[in-house]
Amino acid sequence: MAEAKVFGMPAEKGRWIFVVLGFVINLCLGSVYAYSVFNVPVRNLFNIGAFDSGLPFMVFLAFFAGIFPFSGRLLEKVGPRKLGIIGGVIVGLGWILSGILPSMIPSIWTLIITYGVIAGSGVGLAYSGPIQVATRWFPDKKGLAVGLTVAGFGGSPFVSAYVAKALIDSVTVLPTFLYLGIAFLLLIILLSIPLKFPVADWKPAGWTPKAGAAVASADYDSSQMAKTSSFWGLFICFTIGSLAGLMAISISSPVATGIIKLDSAVAAVLVSVFAIFNGGGRPLFGWITDRITPRYAAILSFVIILLASIGMMFAGPGTTVLYVICFAGFWLCLGGWLAIAPTSTATFFGIKFNARNYGIMLLAYGIGAILANFISGFASDLFGSYLRAFIPVGVLAFAGLFIAFFLMKPPKKIS
């Protein structure tokens, strides 16, 4: 049999190009993580409170996660190329309309629909293809390959926060949505064209799973998966990890300016720095998950979240170093969970139904996004400070330690 070729190279080498393509696609999709730069301008534009200004971000992430189960099934039918193109069109349309319609209908609800519902749904469609391509081309390095692919999503604000801040200062907030939307439309479509799956059961020459590795006893479909304690343990832990990280992402800039008393330009720079931790957390925790199993990777993340939550209880004007350390930890662990969760889903429940299974698992991310906005928004509006929000986050992280230890393991063999 002729050796498989990818981009004119042996498959073991050429497959890495799919990781690069997925990384850049995710740079575009992950620009939502720069929303804290938009938060205050949006609040001022519509003259609204902290909770209302966070609604577009919350709805975006909720629709991103909510559309994902449908995306997984659609991916099996049309493949990653077509789904990426469809998703790219919808993502670009949502951002473009966010730059046009709010000037005609000046309401936060307009932005919630264009940015939250439309753009968020587009990301939910486009996001699944690169992850599944990486998972199927790298059965030997699932955690690392998925982590590197989605590192672009987490690291996006390193680029997009700078660009968005410069555009907002230059042309105001609505044209910024428009210009970014045009760029995302073109890039996502072009980069999705080469995406494809390997032939069924492809694996690198000579590779076999290591003895003692955490592997699925069988391929579980979605209904079988949902009946296992492993699913619920992973789902709850993913919700907690997402909640902590997404809350930190949405309030990074307001906490920096309102509590630590930093200049807005410095706050924007720090958001970009945090993005490095978010992006880096994905390949790092992907590698850790491969090395020490999903259970202990999850426990490590919750220890970091718990310590960061405790640290923020002592934050105040001038405590810049403390703020940077704690928020770097939150961003790192969110990135970590977006590598731990897909890797764990494939590891626990098999590859055959992985696209739809991870689509269901990602609903935990959407639940985390909704809870994060409620906790942070009400803390600010009711108590006048975001700091109170870190108390429930710390409590949840402590609970997550025990849930991960007892439930995050491969399920028993199905009959």
Protein backbone atom coordinates (compact mmCIF):
# COMPACT_ATOMS: atom_id res chain seq x y z
CA MET A 1 0.00 0.00 0.00
CA ALA A 2 1.35 3.46 -0.92
CA GLU A 3 2.36 5.66 1.98
CA ALA A 4 -0.25 8.31 2.86
CA LYS A 5 0.64 11.82 1.74
CA VAL A 6 -0.50 15.11 3.25
CA PHE A 7 0.39 18.42 1.53
CA GLY A 8 2.87 16.45 -0.59
CA MET A 9 4.70 15.06 2.45
CA PRO A 10 4.56 11.80 4.39
CA ALA A 11 1.45 11.96 6.59
CA GLU A 12 3.45 11.87 9.86
CA LYS A 13 5.05 15.20 8.85
CA GLY A 14 2.35 16.82 6.72
CA ARG A 15 -0.32 16.40 9.39
CA TRP A 16 1.32 19.19 11.42
CA ILE A 17 0.13 21.70 8.81
CA PHE A 18 -3.44 20.97 9.94
CA VAL A 19 -2.39 22.11 13.43
CA VAL A 20 -1.05 25.37 11.99
CA LEU A 21 -4.23 25.99 9.98
CA GLY A 22 -6.38 25.22 13.01
CA PHE A 23 -4.27 27.53 15.17
CA VAL A 24 -4.79 30.51 12.84
CA ILE A 25 -8.51 29.80 12.42
CA ASN A 26 -8.78 29.79 16.20
CA LEU A 27 -6.94 33.11 16.39
CA CYS A 28 -9.95 34.57 14.57
CA LEU A 29 -12.60 32.64 16.48
CA GLY A 30 -11.05 33.43 19.88
CA SER A 31 -11.24 37.19 19.48
CA VAL A 32 -14.28 36.99 21.78
CA TYR A 33 -11.72 36.73 24.60
CA ALA A 34 -10.75 40.34 23.92
CA TYR A 35 -14.27 41.43 24.90
CA SER A 36 -13.05 43.02 28.13
CA VAL A 37 -11.49 45.71 25.89
CA PHE A 38 -14.97 46.31 24.40
CA ASN A 39 -16.75 46.15 27.78
CA VAL A 40 -16.38 49.75 28.97
CA PRO A 41 -16.87 51.35 25.49
CA VAL A 42 -20.06 49.28 25.07
CA ARG A 43 -21.23 50.30 28.55
CA ASN A 44 -20.63 53.97 27.74
CA LEU A 45 -22.18 53.72 24.27
CA PHE A 46 -25.49 52.39 25.57
CA ASN A 47 -25.30 53.95 29.09
CA ILE A 48 -25.84 50.62 30.85
CA GLY A 49 -24.53 48.75 33.91
CA ALA A 50 -21.90 46.04 34.28
CA PHE A 51 -24.32 43.13 34.03
CA ASP A 52 -25.97 44.42 30.84
CA SER A 53 -22.65 45.26 29.17
CA GLY A 54 -21.50 41.68 29.75
CA LEU A 55 -24.57 40.16 28.10
CA PRO A 56 -23.19 40.10 24.51
CA PHE A 57 -20.14 38.18 25.78
CA MET A 58 -22.30 35.78 27.81
CA VAL A 59 -24.74 35.14 24.95
CA PHE A 60 -21.87 34.71 22.46
CA LEU A 61 -20.33 31.96 24.57
CA ALA A 62 -23.72 30.40 25.35
CA PHE A 63 -24.60 30.12 21.64
CA PHE A 64 -21.07 28.99 20.81
CA ALA A 65 -21.48 26.10 23.23
CA GLY A 66 -25.19 25.54 22.54
CA ILE A 67 -24.74 25.12 18.79
CA PHE A 68 -21.84 22.73 19.26
CA PRO A 69 -23.85 19.48 19.62
CA PHE A 70 -25.52 20.27 16.29
CA SER A 71 -22.12 21.19 14.86
CA GLY A 72 -20.68 17.81 15.81
CA ARG A 73 -23.42 15.94 13.96
CA LEU A 74 -23.22 18.27 10.96
CA LEU A 75 -19.46 17.75 10.81
CA GLU A 76 -19.98 14.01 10.33
CA LYS A 77 -22.20 14.73 7.32
CA VAL A 78 -20.43 17.59 5.48
CA GLY A 79 -16.83 17.34 6.70
CA PRO A 80 -14.52 19.98 8.20
CA ARG A 81 -13.99 21.98 4.99
CA LYS A 82 -17.64 22.81 4.29
CA LEU A 83 -18.49 23.32 7.95
CA GLY A 84 -15.54 25.69 8.37
CA ILE A 85 -16.67 27.77 5.39
CA ILE A 86 -20.27 27.92 6.65
CA GLY A 87 -19.09 28.88 10.12
CA GLY A 88 -16.71 31.51 8.74
CA VAL A 89 -19.50 33.21 6.79
CA ILE A 90 -21.72 33.36 9.88
CA VAL A 91 -18.90 34.58 12.16
CA GLY A 92 -17.99 37.36 9.75
CA LEU A 93 -21.64 38.33 9.25
CA GLY A 94 -22.20 38.59 13.00
CA TRP A 95 -19.22 40.88 13.56
CA ILE A 96 -20.04 43.01 10.49
CA LEU A 97 -23.66 43.48 11.55
CA SER A 98 -22.43 44.37 15.05
CA GLY A 99 -20.66 47.31 13.49
CA ILE A 100 -23.69 48.46 11.48
CA LEU A 101 -27.04 47.73 13.15
CA PRO A 102 -26.47 49.24 16.65
CA SER A 103 -26.04 52.66 15.04
CA MET A 104 -29.49 52.23 13.47
CA ILE A 105 -31.11 50.56 16.49
CA PRO A 106 -29.14 51.88 19.50
CA SER A 107 -29.83 49.15 22.05
CA ILE A 108 -27.67 46.58 23.80
CA TRP A 109 -30.16 43.98 22.57
CA THR A 110 -29.11 44.70 18.98
CA LEU A 111 -25.52 43.85 19.89
CA ILE A 112 -26.68 40.79 21.82
CA ILE A 113 -28.35 39.45 18.65
CA THR A 114 -25.63 40.35 16.13
CA TYR A 115 -22.56 39.63 18.23
CA GLY A 116 -23.95 37.18 20.76
CA VAL A 117 -26.39 35.08 18.75
CA ILE A 118 -25.07 35.30 15.17
CA ALA A 119 -21.30 35.51 15.68
CA GLY A 120 -21.46 33.09 18.61
CA SER A 121 -23.34 30.53 16.52
CA GLY A 122 -20.80 30.87 13.73
CA VAL A 123 -17.95 30.15 16.12
CA GLY A 124 -19.85 27.11 17.39
CA LEU A 125 -19.90 25.77 13.83
CA ALA A 126 -16.35 26.67 12.79
CA TYR A 127 -14.67 25.57 16.03
CA SER A 128 -15.35 21.84 15.79
CA GLY A 129 -13.58 21.13 12.49
CA PRO A 130 -9.98 21.96 13.47
CA ILE A 131 -10.32 20.09 16.78
CA GLN A 132 -11.63 16.92 15.16
CA VAL A 133 -9.04 17.11 12.38
CA ALA A 134 -6.28 17.30 15.01
CA THR A 135 -7.83 14.50 17.07
CA ARG A 136 -8.04 12.11 14.11
CA TRP A 137 -4.64 12.87 12.61
CA PHE A 138 -2.89 12.57 15.99
CA PRO A 139 -4.08 9.44 17.83
CA ASP A 140 -0.58 9.26 19.32
CA LYS A 141 -0.48 12.88 20.56
CA LYS A 142 -4.13 13.86 21.01
CA GLY A 143 -3.58 16.21 23.95
CA LEU A 144 -0.63 18.03 22.41
CA ALA A 145 -2.13 18.36 18.93
CA VAL A 146 -5.54 19.54 20.19
CA GLY A 147 -3.82 21.85 22.67
CA LEU A 148 -1.71 23.48 19.97
CA THR A 149 -4.72 23.80 17.65
CA VAL A 150 -6.93 25.54 20.19
CA ALA A 151 -4.00 27.59 21.53
CA GLY A 152 -4.94 30.10 18.85
CA PHE A 153 -8.37 30.55 20.45
CA GLY A 154 -6.90 31.29 23.85
CA GLY A 155 -3.98 33.30 22.54
CA SER A 156 -6.13 35.40 20.22
CA PRO A 157 -6.35 38.43 22.55
CA PHE A 158 -2.55 38.73 22.35
CA VAL A 159 -3.28 40.04 18.86
CA SER A 160 -6.94 41.03 18.89
CA ALA A 161 -6.85 43.05 22.14
CA TYR A 162 -4.08 45.27 20.74
CA VAL A 163 -5.83 45.65 17.39
CA ALA A 164 -9.26 46.23 18.94
CA LYS A 165 -7.92 48.81 21.43
CA ALA A 166 -6.12 50.71 18.67
CA LEU A 167 -9.19 50.65 16.43
CA ILE A 168 -11.55 51.71 19.23
CA ASP A 169 -9.27 54.65 20.05
CA SER A 170 -9.05 55.57 16.37
CA VAL A 171 -12.51 54.95 14.91
CA THR A 172 -14.70 54.14 18.00
CA VAL A 173 -16.23 50.81 18.95
CA LEU A 174 -18.81 50.07 16.22
CA PRO A 175 -16.49 50.44 13.21
CA THR A 176 -14.07 48.19 15.09
CA PHE A 177 -16.63 45.38 14.99
CA LEU A 178 -17.10 46.01 11.26
CA TYR A 179 -13.42 45.95 10.27
CA LEU A 180 -12.62 42.88 12.34
CA GLY A 181 -15.65 41.09 10.88
CA ILE A 182 -14.44 41.58 7.32
CA ALA A 183 -11.00 40.22 8.23
CA PHE A 184 -12.44 37.18 10.02
CA LEU A 185 -14.79 36.39 7.13
CA LEU A 186 -11.95 36.15 4.63
CA LEU A 187 -9.42 34.36 6.83
CA ILE A 188 -11.66 31.63 8.20
CA ILE A 189 -13.02 30.72 4.77
CA LEU A 190 -9.59 30.55 3.11
CA LEU A 191 -7.97 28.55 5.90
CA SER A 192 -10.84 26.05 6.11
CA ILE A 193 -10.50 24.95 2.48
CA PRO A 194 -7.56 22.50 3.05
CA LEU A 195 -9.10 20.78 6.12
CA LYS A 196 -9.85 17.04 5.79
CA PHE A 197 -9.94 13.84 7.85
CA PRO A 198 -7.58 10.89 7.41
CA VAL A 199 -8.92 7.57 6.18
CA ALA A 200 -10.74 5.52 8.83
CA ASP A 201 -8.50 4.02 11.52
CA TRP A 202 -5.38 5.78 10.22
CA LYS A 203 -2.47 5.81 12.65
CA PRO A 204 1.25 6.62 12.45
CA ALA A 205 3.41 3.73 11.31
CA GLY A 206 4.49 1.52 14.18
CA TRP A 207 2.44 3.35 16.82
CA THR A 208 0.43 1.50 19.47
CA PRO A 209 -1.08 2.92 22.71
CA LYS A 210 1.21 2.72 25.74
CA ALA A 211 0.48 0.02 28.26
CA GLY A 212 -1.44 1.39 31.23
CA ALA A 213 -2.65 4.50 29.39
CA ALA A 214 -6.16 5.75 30.15
CA VAL A 215 -8.14 4.62 27.12
CA ALA A 216 -11.78 3.96 26.33
CA SER A 217 -12.96 0.39 26.70
CA ALA A 218 -15.23 0.93 23.66
CA ASP A 219 -16.70 3.62 21.42
CA TYR A 220 -19.59 5.19 23.34
CA ASP A 221 -22.36 6.99 21.49
CA SER A 222 -23.89 10.07 23.12
CA SER A 223 -26.68 8.25 24.95
CA GLN A 224 -24.29 5.64 26.33
CA MET A 225 -21.82 8.33 27.36
CA ALA A 226 -24.47 10.32 29.25
CA LYS A 227 -25.26 7.31 31.44
CA THR A 228 -21.75 7.12 32.89
CA SER A 229 -20.42 8.81 36.02
CA SER A 230 -17.28 9.63 34.01
CA PHE A 231 -19.34 11.90 31.76
CA TRP A 232 -20.94 13.77 34.63
CA GLY A 233 -17.67 14.13 36.48
CA LEU A 234 -15.98 15.59 33.42
CA PHE A 235 -19.01 17.76 32.59
CA ILE A 236 -19.18 19.33 36.07
CA CYS A 237 -15.43 19.86 36.26
CA PHE A 238 -15.44 21.46 32.78
CA THR A 239 -18.25 23.78 33.91
CA ILE A 240 -16.27 24.91 36.97
CA GLY A 241 -13.05 25.40 35.02
CA SER A 242 -14.88 27.36 32.30
CA LEU A 243 -16.77 29.50 34.81
CA ALA A 244 -13.59 30.59 36.59
CA GLY A 245 -11.68 31.38 33.42
CA LEU A 246 -14.50 33.06 31.51
CA MET A 247 -15.37 35.29 34.45
CA ALA A 248 -11.75 36.39 34.69
CA ILE A 249 -11.56 37.04 30.95
CA SER A 250 -14.72 39.16 30.90
CA ILE A 251 -13.61 41.38 33.80
CA SER A 252 -9.82 41.53 33.35
CA SER A 253 -9.81 45.09 32.08
CA PRO A 254 -12.48 46.50 34.49
CA VAL A 255 -10.72 44.92 37.50
CA ALA A 256 -7.40 46.38 36.37
CA THR A 257 -8.76 49.91 35.97
CA GLY A 258 -11.43 49.93 38.71
CA ILE A 259 -9.77 47.95 41.53
CA ILE A 260 -6.02 47.88 40.84
CA LYS A 261 -6.24 51.46 39.47
CA LEU A 262 -4.20 50.86 36.35
CA ASP A 263 -4.38 52.97 33.21
CA SER A 264 -6.69 51.59 30.50
CA ALA A 265 -3.78 51.28 28.06
CA VAL A 266 -1.84 49.21 30.60
CA ALA A 267 -4.93 47.10 31.22
CA ALA A 268 -5.20 46.35 27.48
CA VAL A 269 -1.54 45.31 27.40
CA LEU A 270 -2.10 42.98 30.35
CA VAL A 271 -5.08 41.39 28.59
CA SER A 272 -2.70 40.57 25.76
CA VAL A 273 -0.20 39.14 28.23
CA PHE A 274 -2.90 37.00 29.84
CA ALA A 275 -3.78 35.72 26.38
CA ILE A 276 -0.33 34.14 26.19
CA PHE A 277 -1.16 32.14 29.31
CA ASN A 278 -4.56 31.17 27.90
CA GLY A 279 -3.04 30.09 24.62
CA GLY A 280 -0.07 28.41 26.27
CA GLY A 281 -2.30 26.61 28.75
CA ARG A 282 -3.79 24.53 25.96
CA PRO A 283 -0.69 22.72 24.67
CA LEU A 284 0.74 22.68 28.22
CA PHE A 285 -2.31 21.02 29.77
CA GLY A 286 -2.75 18.88 26.66
CA TRP A 287 0.77 17.54 27.21
CA ILE A 288 0.11 17.18 30.97
CA THR A 289 -3.11 15.29 30.24
CA ASP A 290 -1.23 12.90 27.96
CA ARG A 291 1.43 12.39 30.63
CA ILE A 292 -0.45 12.16 33.96
CA THR A 293 -4.06 11.36 32.86
CA PRO A 294 -7.09 13.69 32.70
CA ARG A 295 -7.87 13.21 36.41
CA TYR A 296 -4.62 14.67 37.70
CA ALA A 297 -4.48 17.39 35.05
CA ALA A 298 -7.92 18.51 36.26
CA ILE A 299 -6.84 18.44 39.91
CA LEU A 300 -3.79 20.58 39.09
CA SER A 301 -6.02 23.16 37.37
CA PHE A 302 -8.35 23.40 40.36
CA VAL A 303 -5.44 23.93 42.75
CA ILE A 304 -4.32 26.89 40.61
CA ILE A 305 -7.87 28.32 40.42
CA LEU A 306 -8.35 27.97 44.18
CA LEU A 307 -5.07 29.73 44.97
CA ALA A 308 -5.85 32.52 42.48
CA SER A 309 -9.32 33.02 44.00
CA ILE A 310 -7.83 33.30 47.49
CA GLY A 311 -5.20 35.71 46.20
CA MET A 312 -7.82 38.07 44.73
CA MET A 313 -9.36 38.47 48.20
CA PHE A 314 -6.29 40.60 49.03
CA ALA A 315 -6.33 42.70 45.84
CA GLY A 316 -6.61 46.48 45.94
CA PRO A 317 -5.07 49.67 44.53
CA GLY A 318 -1.43 49.13 43.65
CA THR A 319 -1.41 45.32 44.01
CA THR A 320 -0.41 44.91 40.39
CA VAL A 321 1.85 41.88 40.85
CA LEU A 322 -0.84 40.00 42.78
CA TYR A 323 -3.43 40.83 40.13
CA VAL A 324 -1.17 39.68 37.29
CA ILE A 325 -0.29 36.39 38.99
CA CYS A 326 -3.90 35.55 39.87
CA PHE A 327 -5.40 36.46 36.50
CA ALA A 328 -2.59 34.70 34.64
CA GLY A 329 -3.60 31.59 36.62
CA PHE A 330 -7.27 31.96 35.69
CA TRP A 331 -6.50 32.45 32.00
CA LEU A 332 -3.98 29.57 32.04
CA CYS A 333 -6.53 27.16 33.48
CA LEU A 334 -9.28 28.15 31.07
CA GLY A 335 -6.88 27.35 28.26
CA GLY A 336 -6.05 24.16 30.09
CA TRP A 337 -9.68 23.04 30.25
CA LEU A 338 -10.14 23.57 26.54
CA ALA A 339 -7.42 20.96 26.07
CA ILE A 340 -8.33 18.69 29.00
CA ALA A 341 -12.01 18.41 28.01
CA PRO A 342 -11.68 17.36 24.33
CA THR A 343 -8.73 15.08 25.10
CA SER A 344 -10.62 13.47 28.00
CA THR A 345 -13.77 12.99 25.91
CA ALA A 346 -11.83 11.12 23.22
CA THR A 347 -9.83 9.20 25.82
CA PHE A 348 -12.84 8.12 27.90
CA PHE A 349 -15.44 7.55 25.18
CA GLY A 350 -13.52 6.73 21.98
CA ILE A 351 -13.00 8.35 18.59
CA LYS A 352 -15.93 7.01 16.54
CA PHE A 353 -18.57 9.35 17.98
CA ASN A 354 -16.16 11.96 19.31
CA ALA A 355 -17.44 14.90 17.24
CA ARG A 356 -20.97 14.65 18.62
CA ASN A 357 -19.81 13.58 22.09
CA TYR A 358 -17.58 16.61 22.51
CA GLY A 359 -20.38 18.74 21.12
CA ILE A 360 -22.46 17.68 24.12
CA MET A 361 -19.54 18.08 26.50
CA LEU A 362 -18.99 21.68 25.35
CA LEU A 363 -22.41 22.59 26.74
CA ALA A 364 -20.55 22.75 30.07
CA TYR A 365 -18.57 25.66 28.67
CA GLY A 366 -21.79 27.50 27.79
CA ILE A 367 -23.22 26.89 31.27
CA GLY A 368 -19.96 28.20 32.72
CA ALA A 369 -20.24 31.34 30.58
CA ILE A 370 -23.77 32.07 31.79
CA LEU A 371 -22.91 31.50 35.45
CA ALA A 372 -19.74 33.58 35.12
CA ASN A 373 -21.62 36.63 33.89
CA PHE A 374 -24.28 36.30 36.59
CA ILE A 375 -21.69 35.99 39.36
CA SER A 376 -19.45 38.84 38.18
CA GLY A 377 -22.27 41.15 37.08
CA PHE A 378 -24.28 40.83 40.28
CA ALA A 379 -21.14 41.15 42.42
CA SER A 380 -20.35 44.46 40.75
CA ASP A 381 -23.89 45.83 40.63
CA LEU A 382 -24.91 44.72 44.16
CA PHE A 383 -21.66 45.10 46.11
CA GLY A 384 -19.86 47.68 44.01
CA SER A 385 -16.85 45.40 43.47
CA TYR A 386 -15.92 42.40 41.39
CA LEU A 387 -13.85 40.99 44.25
CA ARG A 388 -16.84 39.32 45.93
CA ALA A 389 -17.24 37.16 42.82
CA PHE A 390 -14.07 35.21 43.63
CA ILE A 391 -15.56 33.70 46.79
CA PRO A 392 -17.99 31.33 45.00
CA VAL A 393 -15.32 30.60 42.38
CA GLY A 394 -12.92 29.46 45.09
CA VAL A 395 -15.59 27.29 46.71
CA LEU A 396 -16.41 25.64 43.39
CA ALA A 397 -12.73 24.99 42.64
CA PHE A 398 -12.38 23.28 46.04
CA ALA A 399 -15.37 21.06 45.21
CA GLY A 400 -13.87 20.36 41.80
CA LEU A 401 -10.82 18.76 43.41
CA PHE A 402 -12.95 15.97 44.85
CA ILE A 403 -15.19 15.56 41.81
CA ALA A 404 -12.15 15.17 39.56
CA PHE A 405 -10.47 12.67 41.88
CA PHE A 406 -13.47 10.37 42.23
CA LEU A 407 -15.20 10.65 38.84
CA MET A 408 -12.74 11.64 36.10
CA LYS A 409 -11.65 8.19 34.93
CA PRO A 410 -12.50 5.89 32.01
CA PRO A 411 -15.95 4.32 32.44
CA LYS A 412 -16.46 0.62 32.93
CA LYS A 413 -16.81 -1.43 29.77
CA ILE A 414 -20.27 -1.23 28.21
CA SER A 415 -22.19 -4.45 27.81
